[in-house]
């Protein structure tokens, strides 16, 4: 950790020793950086420091950074591929769902149409049976009404005959027979209908 702090701050143990030796031998009181006689040694140590720094960065720092970047790139590409597979799978599931849904709808429509046709057929057969019963009942009722009407008419003729005979007997001294009165009442009834 200490080596890294010195490295990042630009201070190495070697540069400290060199600066200390130069400061002890220089008693002029000026800045040693501006003294031209010390420039070659300063350039030498600058090159040495940069070479050591380059070697440390290229051998320690750069490989770890490149491995991290490579791992990250691999993870991202794997994640993208997994996401693409999941998306394709979701599309397949959705397509399958839509297909089964459309099949279910068509089967439901067919079943509904079949049920409607069966209901119509059943209703038609019930209507036919009811109409047959109604027709039979209507015929029976018509026959019964015809009988009742005939009975009513015959009883009405009898009543009209008796009433006419009584009225004639009370109003006139002529004696009329029931057969004669019945004949006239029947003829008058034919004229009315």
N, C-alpha and C. Protein backbone atom coordinates (compact mmCIF):
# COMPACT_ATOMS: atom_id res chain seq x y z
N UNK A 1 0.83 -1.19 0.00
CA UNK A 1 0.00 0.00 0.00
C UNK A 1 0.87 1.24 0.00
N UNK A 2 1.93 1.22 0.79
CA UNK A 2 2.84 2.37 0.88
C UNK A 2 3.54 2.57 -0.46
N UNK A 3 3.90 1.48 -1.11
CA UNK A 3 4.56 1.59 -2.42
C UNK A 3 3.63 2.25 -3.42
N UNK A 4 2.38 1.91 -3.38
CA UNK A 4 1.42 2.48 -4.33
C UNK A 4 1.23 3.97 -4.07
N UNK A 5 1.16 4.39 -2.81
CA UNK A 5 0.98 5.82 -2.50
C UNK A 5 2.18 6.60 -3.03
N UNK A 6 3.39 6.11 -2.82
CA UNK A 6 4.59 6.80 -3.32
C UNK A 6 4.57 6.82 -4.84
N UNK A 7 4.15 5.70 -5.44
CA UNK A 7 4.13 5.63 -6.89
C UNK A 7 3.15 6.63 -7.47
N UNK A 8 1.95 6.72 -6.89
CA UNK A 8 0.93 7.61 -7.43
C UNK A 8 1.26 9.07 -7.15
N UNK A 9 1.96 9.34 -6.12
CA UNK A 9 2.29 10.74 -5.82
C UNK A 9 3.54 11.18 -6.56
N UNK A 10 4.20 10.28 -7.26
CA UNK A 10 5.38 10.65 -8.02
C UNK A 10 6.65 10.57 -7.19
N UNK A 11 6.57 10.09 -5.97
CA UNK A 11 7.73 10.02 -5.08
C UNK A 11 8.12 8.57 -4.97
N UNK A 12 9.34 8.27 -5.32
CA UNK A 12 9.85 6.91 -5.14
C UNK A 12 11.02 6.98 -4.18
N UNK A 13 11.36 5.89 -3.52
CA UNK A 13 12.50 5.92 -2.59
C UNK A 13 13.78 6.35 -3.28
N UNK A 14 13.94 5.96 -4.53
CA UNK A 14 15.16 6.31 -5.25
C UNK A 14 15.26 7.80 -5.52
N UNK A 15 14.11 8.42 -5.84
CA UNK A 15 14.13 9.87 -6.11
C UNK A 15 14.37 10.64 -4.82
N UNK A 16 13.92 10.14 -3.68
CA UNK A 16 14.18 10.81 -2.41
C UNK A 16 15.67 10.80 -2.06
N UNK A 17 16.31 9.67 -2.31
CA UNK A 17 17.75 9.57 -2.01
C UNK A 17 18.54 10.51 -2.91
N UNK A 18 18.15 10.56 -4.17
CA UNK A 18 18.87 11.41 -5.12
C UNK A 18 18.69 12.87 -4.75
N UNK A 19 17.53 13.27 -4.41
CA UNK A 19 17.28 14.67 -4.05
C UNK A 19 18.01 15.04 -2.76
N UNK A 20 18.06 14.12 -1.82
CA UNK A 20 18.77 14.38 -0.57
C UNK A 20 20.28 14.56 -0.80
N UNK A 21 20.87 13.76 -1.69
CA UNK A 21 22.30 13.85 -1.99
C UNK A 21 22.61 15.14 -2.70
N UNK A 22 21.76 15.53 -3.58
CA UNK A 22 21.97 16.78 -4.32
C UNK A 22 21.82 17.98 -3.41
N UNK A 23 20.88 17.92 -2.49
CA UNK A 23 20.66 19.06 -1.59
C UNK A 23 21.84 19.20 -0.64
N UNK A 24 22.48 18.12 -0.23
CA UNK A 24 23.61 18.19 0.70
C UNK A 24 24.84 18.76 0.01
N UNK A 25 25.05 18.46 -1.27
CA UNK A 25 26.22 18.93 -1.98
C UNK A 25 26.06 20.34 -2.51
N UNK A 26 24.85 20.84 -2.57
CA UNK A 26 24.60 22.17 -3.14
C UNK A 26 24.40 23.15 -2.01
N UNK A 27 25.31 24.11 -1.93
CA UNK A 27 25.18 25.10 -0.87
C UNK A 27 25.02 26.49 -1.43
N UNK A 28 24.67 26.60 -2.70
CA UNK A 28 24.53 27.91 -3.32
C UNK A 28 23.27 28.61 -2.86
N UNK A 29 22.31 27.86 -2.42
CA UNK A 29 21.08 28.46 -1.90
C UNK A 29 20.03 28.65 -2.97
N UNK A 30 20.27 28.26 -4.24
CA UNK A 30 19.26 28.40 -5.30
C UNK A 30 18.47 27.12 -5.45
N UNK A 31 17.60 27.16 -6.41
CA UNK A 31 16.78 25.97 -6.67
C UNK A 31 17.59 24.96 -7.47
N UNK A 32 17.67 23.69 -7.00
CA UNK A 32 18.49 22.71 -7.72
C UNK A 32 17.87 22.34 -9.06
N UNK A 33 16.58 22.54 -9.25
CA UNK A 33 15.95 22.22 -10.51
C UNK A 33 16.42 23.15 -11.62
N UNK A 34 16.82 24.35 -11.25
CA UNK A 34 17.23 25.31 -12.26
C UNK A 34 18.74 25.31 -12.50
N UNK A 35 19.45 24.52 -11.73
CA UNK A 35 20.90 24.41 -11.92
C UNK A 35 21.15 23.48 -13.09
N UNK A 36 21.80 23.98 -14.14
CA UNK A 36 21.99 23.24 -15.39
C UNK A 36 22.93 22.05 -15.16
N UNK A 37 23.80 22.10 -14.23
CA UNK A 37 24.75 21.01 -14.01
C UNK A 37 24.04 19.77 -13.47
N UNK A 38 22.87 19.92 -12.85
CA UNK A 38 22.15 18.77 -12.30
C UNK A 38 21.11 18.22 -13.27
N UNK A 39 20.94 18.87 -14.40
CA UNK A 39 19.90 18.41 -15.33
C UNK A 39 20.15 17.01 -15.89
N UNK A 40 21.33 16.65 -16.25
CA UNK A 40 21.50 15.30 -16.78
C UNK A 40 21.12 14.23 -15.76
N UNK A 41 21.51 14.43 -14.50
CA UNK A 41 21.14 13.42 -13.50
C UNK A 41 19.62 13.45 -13.24
N UNK A 42 19.05 14.63 -13.28
CA UNK A 42 17.59 14.71 -13.08
C UNK A 42 16.86 14.03 -14.24
N UNK A 43 17.34 14.24 -15.45
CA UNK A 43 16.72 13.58 -16.61
C UNK A 43 16.90 12.07 -16.53
N UNK A 44 18.07 11.62 -16.12
CA UNK A 44 18.31 10.21 -15.97
C UNK A 44 17.32 9.59 -14.99
N UNK A 45 17.20 10.22 -13.80
CA UNK A 45 16.30 9.67 -12.79
C UNK A 45 14.83 9.81 -13.20
N UNK A 46 14.55 10.84 -13.98
CA UNK A 46 13.18 10.98 -14.51
C UNK A 46 12.86 9.82 -15.44
N UNK A 47 13.78 9.51 -16.33
CA UNK A 47 13.59 8.39 -17.27
C UNK A 47 13.50 7.09 -16.49
N UNK A 48 14.37 6.89 -15.52
CA UNK A 48 14.35 5.66 -14.71
C UNK A 48 13.00 5.55 -13.99
N UNK A 49 12.55 6.66 -13.39
CA UNK A 49 11.26 6.65 -12.66
C UNK A 49 10.10 6.33 -13.60
N UNK A 50 10.10 6.94 -14.78
CA UNK A 50 9.02 6.67 -15.72
C UNK A 50 9.06 5.24 -16.24
N UNK A 51 10.25 4.71 -16.48
CA UNK A 51 10.38 3.33 -16.95
C UNK A 51 9.88 2.39 -15.86
N UNK A 52 10.28 2.62 -14.62
CA UNK A 52 9.81 1.77 -13.51
C UNK A 52 8.29 1.90 -13.38
N UNK A 53 7.79 3.13 -13.48
CA UNK A 53 6.33 3.33 -13.40
C UNK A 53 5.60 2.64 -14.54
N UNK A 54 6.18 2.72 -15.75
CA UNK A 54 5.56 2.06 -16.90
C UNK A 54 5.54 0.56 -16.72
N UNK A 55 6.67 0.02 -16.24
CA UNK A 55 6.75 -1.43 -16.02
C UNK A 55 5.74 -1.86 -14.96
N UNK A 56 5.64 -1.08 -13.88
CA UNK A 56 4.67 -1.44 -12.82
C UNK A 56 3.23 -1.35 -13.34
N UNK A 57 2.92 -0.29 -14.07
CA UNK A 57 1.56 -0.15 -14.59
C UNK A 57 1.25 -1.24 -15.61
N UNK A 58 2.20 -1.49 -16.53
CA UNK A 58 1.92 -2.49 -17.57
C UNK A 58 1.90 -3.91 -17.02
N UNK A 59 2.65 -4.18 -15.94
CA UNK A 59 2.66 -5.54 -15.43
C UNK A 59 1.65 -5.78 -14.32
N UNK A 60 1.28 -4.76 -13.53
CA UNK A 60 0.37 -4.97 -12.41
C UNK A 60 -1.03 -4.37 -12.64
N UNK A 61 -1.06 -3.13 -13.03
CA UNK A 61 -2.34 -2.42 -13.10
C UNK A 61 -3.10 -2.74 -14.38
N UNK A 62 -2.43 -2.65 -15.52
CA UNK A 62 -3.11 -2.84 -16.81
C UNK A 62 -3.73 -4.23 -16.94
N UNK A 63 -3.00 -5.32 -16.56
CA UNK A 63 -3.64 -6.64 -16.69
C UNK A 63 -4.89 -6.79 -15.82
N UNK A 64 -4.85 -6.23 -14.61
CA UNK A 64 -6.05 -6.36 -13.77
C UNK A 64 -7.20 -5.54 -14.35
N UNK A 65 -6.89 -4.36 -14.88
CA UNK A 65 -7.95 -3.56 -15.50
C UNK A 65 -8.48 -4.26 -16.74
N UNK A 66 -7.57 -4.79 -17.57
CA UNK A 66 -8.03 -5.48 -18.79
C UNK A 66 -8.82 -6.73 -18.45
N UNK A 67 -8.41 -7.46 -17.40
CA UNK A 67 -9.19 -8.65 -17.02
C UNK A 67 -10.57 -8.26 -16.51
N UNK A 68 -10.63 -7.15 -15.75
CA UNK A 68 -11.93 -6.68 -15.27
C UNK A 68 -12.80 -6.28 -16.46
N UNK A 69 -12.22 -5.55 -17.40
CA UNK A 69 -12.99 -5.13 -18.59
C UNK A 69 -13.42 -6.33 -19.42
N UNK A 70 -12.52 -7.31 -19.56
CA UNK A 70 -12.86 -8.51 -20.32
C UNK A 70 -13.97 -9.30 -19.63
N UNK A 71 -13.85 -9.46 -18.30
CA UNK A 71 -14.91 -10.15 -17.54
C UNK A 71 -16.23 -9.42 -17.66
N UNK A 72 -16.16 -8.11 -17.58
CA UNK A 72 -17.39 -7.31 -17.69
C UNK A 72 -18.00 -7.45 -19.08
N UNK A 73 -17.17 -7.40 -20.11
CA UNK A 73 -17.65 -7.56 -21.48
C UNK A 73 -18.26 -8.94 -21.67
N UNK A 74 -17.60 -9.97 -21.15
CA UNK A 74 -18.12 -11.34 -21.25
C UNK A 74 -19.46 -11.45 -20.52
N UNK A 75 -19.54 -10.90 -19.32
CA UNK A 75 -20.78 -10.95 -18.55
C UNK A 75 -21.91 -10.22 -19.27
N UNK A 76 -21.59 -9.05 -19.83
CA UNK A 76 -22.61 -8.29 -20.55
C UNK A 76 -23.09 -9.07 -21.77
N UNK A 77 -22.16 -9.65 -22.53
CA UNK A 77 -22.57 -10.42 -23.71
C UNK A 77 -23.36 -11.65 -23.31
N UNK A 78 -22.96 -12.32 -22.21
CA UNK A 78 -23.73 -13.47 -21.72
C UNK A 78 -25.13 -13.05 -21.29
N UNK A 79 -25.19 -11.91 -20.57
CA UNK A 79 -26.50 -11.42 -20.12
C UNK A 79 -27.38 -11.05 -21.32
N UNK A 80 -26.78 -10.43 -22.33
CA UNK A 80 -27.55 -10.07 -23.52
C UNK A 80 -28.05 -11.31 -24.25
N UNK A 81 -27.20 -12.33 -24.32
CA UNK A 81 -27.63 -13.57 -24.96
C UNK A 81 -28.73 -14.26 -24.17
N UNK A 82 -28.58 -14.26 -22.84
CA UNK A 82 -29.63 -14.84 -21.99
C UNK A 82 -30.94 -14.07 -22.15
N UNK A 83 -30.84 -12.74 -22.21
CA UNK A 83 -32.04 -11.92 -22.39
C UNK A 83 -32.68 -12.19 -23.75
N UNK A 84 -31.85 -12.36 -24.79
CA UNK A 84 -32.39 -12.65 -26.12
C UNK A 84 -33.09 -14.00 -26.12
N UNK A 85 -32.47 -14.99 -25.47
CA UNK A 85 -33.11 -16.31 -25.38
C UNK A 85 -34.43 -16.22 -24.61
N UNK A 86 -34.42 -15.46 -23.53
CA UNK A 86 -35.66 -15.30 -22.74
C UNK A 86 -36.72 -14.59 -23.57
N UNK A 87 -36.31 -13.60 -24.36
CA UNK A 87 -37.27 -12.88 -25.20
C UNK A 87 -37.83 -13.81 -26.27
N UNK A 88 -36.96 -14.61 -26.90
CA UNK A 88 -37.44 -15.57 -27.90
C UNK A 88 -38.38 -16.58 -27.27
N UNK A 89 -38.04 -17.04 -26.08
CA UNK A 89 -38.89 -17.99 -25.36
C UNK A 89 -40.25 -17.34 -25.04
N UNK A 90 -40.20 -16.08 -24.61
CA UNK A 90 -41.46 -15.37 -24.30
C UNK A 90 -42.30 -15.21 -25.56
N UNK A 91 -41.65 -14.93 -26.70
CA UNK A 91 -42.39 -14.81 -27.96
C UNK A 91 -43.04 -16.14 -28.32
N UNK A 92 -42.31 -17.23 -28.14
CA UNK A 92 -42.86 -18.55 -28.44
C UNK A 92 -44.05 -18.86 -27.53
N UNK A 93 -43.89 -18.56 -26.25
CA UNK A 93 -44.99 -18.80 -25.31
C UNK A 93 -46.20 -17.95 -25.68
N UNK A 94 -45.97 -16.68 -26.02
CA UNK A 94 -47.06 -15.79 -26.39
C UNK A 94 -47.75 -16.27 -27.66
N UNK A 95 -46.95 -16.71 -28.65
CA UNK A 95 -47.53 -17.23 -29.89
C UNK A 95 -48.35 -18.48 -29.60
N UNK A 96 -47.82 -19.35 -28.77
CA UNK A 96 -48.55 -20.56 -28.39
C UNK A 96 -49.85 -20.21 -27.66
N UNK A 97 -49.76 -19.23 -26.76
CA UNK A 97 -50.95 -18.78 -26.02
C UNK A 97 -52.00 -18.22 -26.98
N UNK A 98 -51.58 -17.37 -27.91
CA UNK A 98 -52.51 -16.78 -28.88
C UNK A 98 -53.15 -17.87 -29.74
N UNK A 99 -52.34 -18.86 -30.15
CA UNK A 99 -52.86 -19.95 -30.97
C UNK A 99 -53.90 -20.76 -30.20
N UNK A 100 -53.57 -21.12 -28.96
CA UNK A 100 -54.53 -21.90 -28.16
C UNK A 100 -55.78 -21.09 -27.85
N UNK A 101 -55.61 -19.78 -27.64
CA UNK A 101 -56.76 -18.92 -27.39
C UNK A 101 -57.67 -18.84 -28.61
N UNK A 102 -57.08 -18.70 -29.80
CA UNK A 102 -57.90 -18.64 -31.01
C UNK A 102 -58.59 -19.98 -31.28
N UNK A 103 -57.88 -21.08 -30.99
CA UNK A 103 -58.50 -22.41 -31.14
C UNK A 103 -59.68 -22.56 -30.17
N UNK A 104 -59.47 -22.12 -28.94
CA UNK A 104 -60.55 -22.22 -27.94
C UNK A 104 -61.74 -21.36 -28.36
N UNK A 105 -61.48 -20.17 -28.91
CA UNK A 105 -62.57 -19.32 -29.37
C UNK A 105 -63.33 -19.97 -30.52
N UNK A 106 -62.60 -20.55 -31.47
CA UNK A 106 -63.28 -21.19 -32.60
C UNK A 106 -64.08 -22.41 -32.13
N UNK A 107 -63.51 -23.18 -31.20
CA UNK A 107 -64.25 -24.34 -30.67
C UNK A 107 -65.49 -23.88 -29.91
N UNK A 108 -65.37 -22.79 -29.17
CA UNK A 108 -66.52 -22.26 -28.45
C UNK A 108 -67.59 -21.78 -29.42
N UNK A 109 -67.18 -21.15 -30.51
CA UNK A 109 -68.14 -20.68 -31.51
C UNK A 109 -68.84 -21.87 -32.17
N UNK A 110 -68.08 -22.92 -32.46
CA UNK A 110 -68.68 -24.12 -33.06
C UNK A 110 -69.65 -24.76 -32.08
N UNK A 111 -69.24 -24.87 -30.82
CA UNK A 111 -70.12 -25.47 -29.80
C UNK A 111 -71.38 -24.64 -29.62
N UNK A 112 -71.24 -23.31 -29.63
CA UNK A 112 -72.41 -22.44 -29.47
C UNK A 112 -73.35 -22.59 -30.66
N UNK A 113 -72.79 -22.65 -31.88
CA UNK A 113 -73.62 -22.82 -33.07
C UNK A 113 -74.34 -24.17 -33.03
N UNK A 114 -73.63 -25.20 -32.59
CA UNK A 114 -74.24 -26.53 -32.48
C UNK A 114 -75.36 -26.53 -31.45
N UNK A 115 -75.11 -25.88 -30.31
CA UNK A 115 -76.14 -25.81 -29.26
C UNK A 115 -77.37 -25.04 -29.76
N UNK A 116 -77.13 -23.97 -30.51
CA UNK A 116 -78.26 -23.19 -31.06
C UNK A 116 -79.05 -24.04 -32.03
N UNK A 117 -78.36 -24.78 -32.91
CA UNK A 117 -79.06 -25.64 -33.87
C UNK A 117 -79.86 -26.73 -33.14
N UNK A 118 -79.26 -27.33 -32.11
CA UNK A 118 -79.98 -28.36 -31.35
C UNK A 118 -81.20 -27.76 -30.66
N UNK A 119 -81.05 -26.57 -30.11
CA UNK A 119 -82.19 -25.91 -29.45
C UNK A 119 -83.28 -25.60 -30.45
N UNK A 120 -82.87 -25.13 -31.65
CA UNK A 120 -83.87 -24.84 -32.69
C UNK A 120 -84.60 -26.11 -33.10
N UNK A 121 -83.85 -27.20 -33.28
CA UNK A 121 -84.47 -28.47 -33.68
C UNK A 121 -85.43 -28.97 -32.59
N UNK A 122 -84.98 -28.87 -31.33
CA UNK A 122 -85.84 -29.31 -30.23
C UNK A 122 -87.09 -28.43 -30.13
N UNK A 123 -86.90 -27.13 -30.30
CA UNK A 123 -88.04 -26.22 -30.26
C UNK A 123 -89.01 -26.50 -31.41
N UNK A 124 -88.46 -26.78 -32.59
CA UNK A 124 -89.31 -27.08 -33.74
C UNK A 124 -90.11 -28.37 -33.50
N UNK A 125 -89.45 -29.39 -32.93
CA UNK A 125 -90.18 -30.64 -32.66
C UNK A 125 -91.25 -30.43 -31.59
N UNK A 126 -90.93 -29.63 -30.57
CA UNK A 126 -91.94 -29.34 -29.54
C UNK A 126 -93.09 -28.54 -30.13
N UNK A 127 -92.74 -27.54 -30.98
CA UNK A 127 -93.79 -26.75 -31.63
C UNK A 127 -94.68 -27.62 -32.50
N UNK A 128 -94.08 -28.57 -33.22
CA UNK A 128 -94.87 -29.47 -34.08
C UNK A 128 -95.80 -30.32 -33.22
N UNK A 129 -95.26 -30.83 -32.10
CA UNK A 129 -96.10 -31.66 -31.22
C UNK A 129 -97.24 -30.83 -30.62
N UNK A 130 -96.88 -29.61 -30.18
CA UNK A 130 -97.91 -28.73 -29.60
C UNK A 130 -98.94 -28.35 -30.65
N UNK A 131 -98.47 -28.03 -31.87
CA UNK A 131 -99.41 -27.68 -32.96
C UNK A 131 -100.32 -28.86 -33.29
N UNK A 132 -99.76 -30.07 -33.25
CA UNK A 132 -100.57 -31.27 -33.53
C UNK A 132 -101.64 -31.44 -32.45
N UNK A 133 -101.20 -31.27 -31.19
CA UNK A 133 -102.17 -31.37 -30.09
C UNK A 133 -103.23 -30.29 -30.20
N UNK A 134 -102.78 -29.06 -30.52
CA UNK A 134 -103.73 -27.96 -30.65
C UNK A 134 -104.71 -28.20 -31.80
N UNK A 135 -104.17 -28.75 -32.91
CA UNK A 135 -105.06 -29.04 -34.04
C UNK A 135 -106.08 -30.10 -33.67
N UNK A 136 -105.62 -31.13 -32.96
CA UNK A 136 -106.55 -32.18 -32.52
C UNK A 136 -107.58 -31.61 -31.56
N UNK A 137 -107.08 -30.79 -30.61
CA UNK A 137 -108.00 -30.17 -29.65
C UNK A 137 -108.97 -29.23 -30.35
N UNK A 138 -108.48 -28.50 -31.35
CA UNK A 138 -109.36 -27.58 -32.08
C UNK A 138 -110.43 -28.34 -32.84
N UNK A 139 -110.03 -29.47 -33.46
CA UNK A 139 -111.03 -30.28 -34.19
C UNK A 139 -112.08 -30.82 -33.23
N UNK A 140 -111.59 -31.30 -32.08
CA UNK A 140 -112.54 -31.82 -31.08
C UNK A 140 -113.46 -30.70 -30.60
N UNK A 141 -112.87 -29.54 -30.36
CA UNK A 141 -113.68 -28.41 -29.89
C UNK A 141 -114.68 -27.97 -30.95
N UNK A 142 -114.23 -27.96 -32.22
CA UNK A 142 -115.15 -27.59 -33.30
C UNK A 142 -116.28 -28.60 -33.39
N UNK A 143 -115.93 -29.89 -33.27
CA UNK A 143 -116.97 -30.93 -33.33
C UNK A 143 -117.94 -30.76 -32.16
N UNK A 144 -117.38 -30.50 -30.98
CA UNK A 144 -118.23 -30.32 -29.79
C UNK A 144 -119.10 -29.08 -29.95
N UNK A 145 -118.48 -27.98 -30.46
CA UNK A 145 -119.27 -26.76 -30.68
C UNK A 145 -120.37 -26.99 -31.72
N UNK A 146 -120.03 -27.74 -32.75
CA UNK A 146 -121.03 -28.05 -33.78
C UNK A 146 -122.19 -28.85 -33.18
N UNK A 147 -121.80 -29.83 -32.35
CA UNK A 147 -122.85 -30.62 -31.69
C UNK A 147 -123.70 -29.73 -30.78
N UNK A 148 -123.01 -28.86 -30.01
CA UNK A 148 -123.74 -27.99 -29.09
C UNK A 148 -124.64 -27.02 -29.85
N UNK A 149 -124.13 -26.51 -30.97
CA UNK A 149 -124.93 -25.59 -31.77
C UNK A 149 -126.15 -26.31 -32.35
N UNK A 150 -125.88 -27.54 -32.86
CA UNK A 150 -127.00 -28.31 -33.41
C UNK A 150 -128.03 -28.61 -32.34
N UNK A 151 -127.52 -28.96 -31.11
CA UNK A 151 -128.45 -29.22 -30.01
C UNK A 151 -129.21 -27.96 -29.63
N UNK A 152 -128.45 -26.85 -29.61
CA UNK A 152 -129.10 -25.59 -29.27
C UNK A 152 -130.14 -25.21 -30.32
N UNK A 153 -129.78 -25.41 -31.59
CA UNK A 153 -130.73 -25.08 -32.66
C UNK A 153 -131.96 -26.00 -32.60
N UNK A 154 -131.70 -27.28 -32.36
CA UNK A 154 -132.86 -28.18 -32.31
C UNK A 154 -133.73 -27.88 -31.11
N UNK A 155 -133.07 -27.56 -29.98
CA UNK A 155 -133.89 -27.21 -28.81
C UNK A 155 -134.57 -25.87 -29.02
N UNK A 156 -133.90 -24.99 -29.78
CA UNK A 156 -134.50 -23.70 -30.10
C UNK A 156 -135.69 -23.88 -31.03
N UNK A 157 -135.54 -24.80 -32.00
CA UNK A 157 -136.66 -25.08 -32.90
C UNK A 157 -137.84 -25.66 -32.11
N UNK A 158 -137.48 -26.57 -31.20
CA UNK A 158 -138.55 -27.17 -30.38
C UNK A 158 -139.22 -26.10 -29.54
N UNK A 159 -138.41 -25.24 -28.97
CA UNK A 159 -138.95 -24.17 -28.13
C UNK A 159 -139.79 -23.22 -28.98
N UNK A 160 -139.24 -22.87 -30.18
CA UNK A 160 -140.00 -21.97 -31.07
C UNK A 160 -141.31 -22.62 -31.53
N UNK A 161 -141.23 -23.92 -31.78
CA UNK A 161 -142.45 -24.64 -32.21
C UNK A 161 -143.48 -24.62 -31.10
N UNK A 162 -143.06 -24.95 -29.87
CA UNK A 162 -144.00 -24.97 -28.75
C UNK A 162 -144.57 -23.58 -28.48
N UNK A 163 -143.66 -22.59 -28.50
CA UNK A 163 -144.11 -21.22 -28.22
C UNK A 163 -145.08 -20.75 -29.30
N UNK A 164 -144.73 -21.02 -30.55
CA UNK A 164 -145.63 -20.60 -31.66
C UNK A 164 -146.99 -21.29 -31.55
N UNK A 165 -146.97 -22.56 -31.22
CA UNK A 165 -148.22 -23.31 -31.10
C UNK A 165 -149.09 -22.75 -29.97
N UNK A 166 -148.47 -22.37 -28.84
CA UNK A 166 -149.22 -21.80 -27.72
C UNK A 166 -149.79 -20.44 -28.10
N UNK A 167 -148.94 -19.61 -28.78
CA UNK A 167 -149.41 -18.28 -29.17
C UNK A 167 -150.59 -18.40 -30.14
N UNK A 168 -150.45 -19.29 -31.12
CA UNK A 168 -151.55 -19.47 -32.09
C UNK A 168 -152.81 -19.97 -31.37
N UNK A 169 -152.62 -20.87 -30.42
CA UNK A 169 -153.77 -21.43 -29.70
C UNK A 169 -154.44 -20.35 -28.87
N UNK A 170 -153.72 -19.43 -28.33
CA UNK A 170 -154.31 -18.41 -27.50
C UNK A 170 -154.90 -17.28 -28.33
N UNK A 171 -154.31 -16.99 -29.46
CA UNK A 171 -154.77 -15.86 -30.25
C UNK A 171 -155.90 -16.27 -31.23
N UNK A 172 -155.86 -17.44 -31.68
CA UNK A 172 -156.87 -17.86 -32.67
C UNK A 172 -157.60 -19.10 -32.19
N UNK A 173 -158.78 -19.28 -32.68
CA UNK A 173 -159.53 -20.48 -32.29
C UNK A 173 -159.10 -21.69 -33.10
N UNK A 174 -158.14 -21.52 -34.04
CA UNK A 174 -157.75 -22.62 -34.91
C UNK A 174 -156.77 -23.51 -34.13
N UNK A 175 -156.98 -24.79 -34.32
CA UNK A 175 -156.07 -25.73 -33.70
C UNK A 175 -155.05 -26.14 -34.75
N UNK A 176 -153.77 -25.90 -34.41
CA UNK A 176 -152.69 -26.23 -35.34
C UNK A 176 -151.90 -27.36 -34.70
N UNK A 177 -151.48 -28.28 -35.56
CA UNK A 177 -150.71 -29.41 -35.03
C UNK A 177 -149.23 -29.02 -34.89
N UNK A 178 -148.59 -29.77 -34.08
CA UNK A 178 -147.19 -29.48 -33.81
C UNK A 178 -146.35 -29.68 -35.07
N UNK A 179 -146.62 -30.62 -35.89
CA UNK A 179 -145.87 -30.89 -37.11
C UNK A 179 -145.97 -29.73 -38.08
N UNK A 180 -147.12 -29.13 -38.20
CA UNK A 180 -147.32 -28.01 -39.12
C UNK A 180 -146.51 -26.81 -38.63
N UNK A 181 -146.59 -26.54 -37.36
CA UNK A 181 -145.86 -25.40 -36.80
C UNK A 181 -144.35 -25.64 -36.96
N UNK A 182 -143.92 -26.86 -36.73
CA UNK A 182 -142.50 -27.17 -36.85
C UNK A 182 -142.03 -26.95 -38.27
N UNK A 183 -142.85 -27.29 -39.26
CA UNK A 183 -142.52 -27.12 -40.66
C UNK A 183 -142.31 -25.64 -40.96
N UNK A 184 -143.19 -24.79 -40.49
CA UNK A 184 -143.08 -23.34 -40.74
C UNK A 184 -141.87 -22.73 -39.99
N UNK A 185 -141.62 -23.19 -38.79
CA UNK A 185 -140.47 -22.67 -38.01
C UNK A 185 -139.16 -23.06 -38.72
N UNK A 186 -139.08 -24.30 -39.22
CA UNK A 186 -137.87 -24.76 -39.92
C UNK A 186 -137.68 -23.96 -41.20
N UNK A 187 -138.73 -23.68 -41.92
CA UNK A 187 -138.62 -22.90 -43.16
C UNK A 187 -138.18 -21.47 -42.83
N UNK A 188 -138.70 -20.91 -41.79
CA UNK A 188 -138.31 -19.55 -41.39
C UNK A 188 -136.84 -19.53 -40.92
N UNK A 189 -136.36 -20.56 -40.24
CA UNK A 189 -134.97 -20.65 -39.79
C UNK A 189 -134.02 -20.72 -40.98
N UNK A 190 -134.43 -21.43 -42.07
CA UNK A 190 -133.59 -21.50 -43.26
C UNK A 190 -133.47 -20.14 -43.92
N UNK A 191 -134.54 -19.37 -43.91
CA UNK A 191 -134.52 -18.04 -44.50
C UNK A 191 -133.58 -17.10 -43.71
N UNK A 192 -133.54 -17.27 -42.42
CA UNK A 192 -132.70 -16.41 -41.56
C UNK A 192 -131.21 -16.70 -41.71
N UNK A 193 -130.87 -17.94 -41.96
CA UNK A 193 -129.45 -18.26 -42.06
C UNK A 193 -129.04 -18.15 -43.49
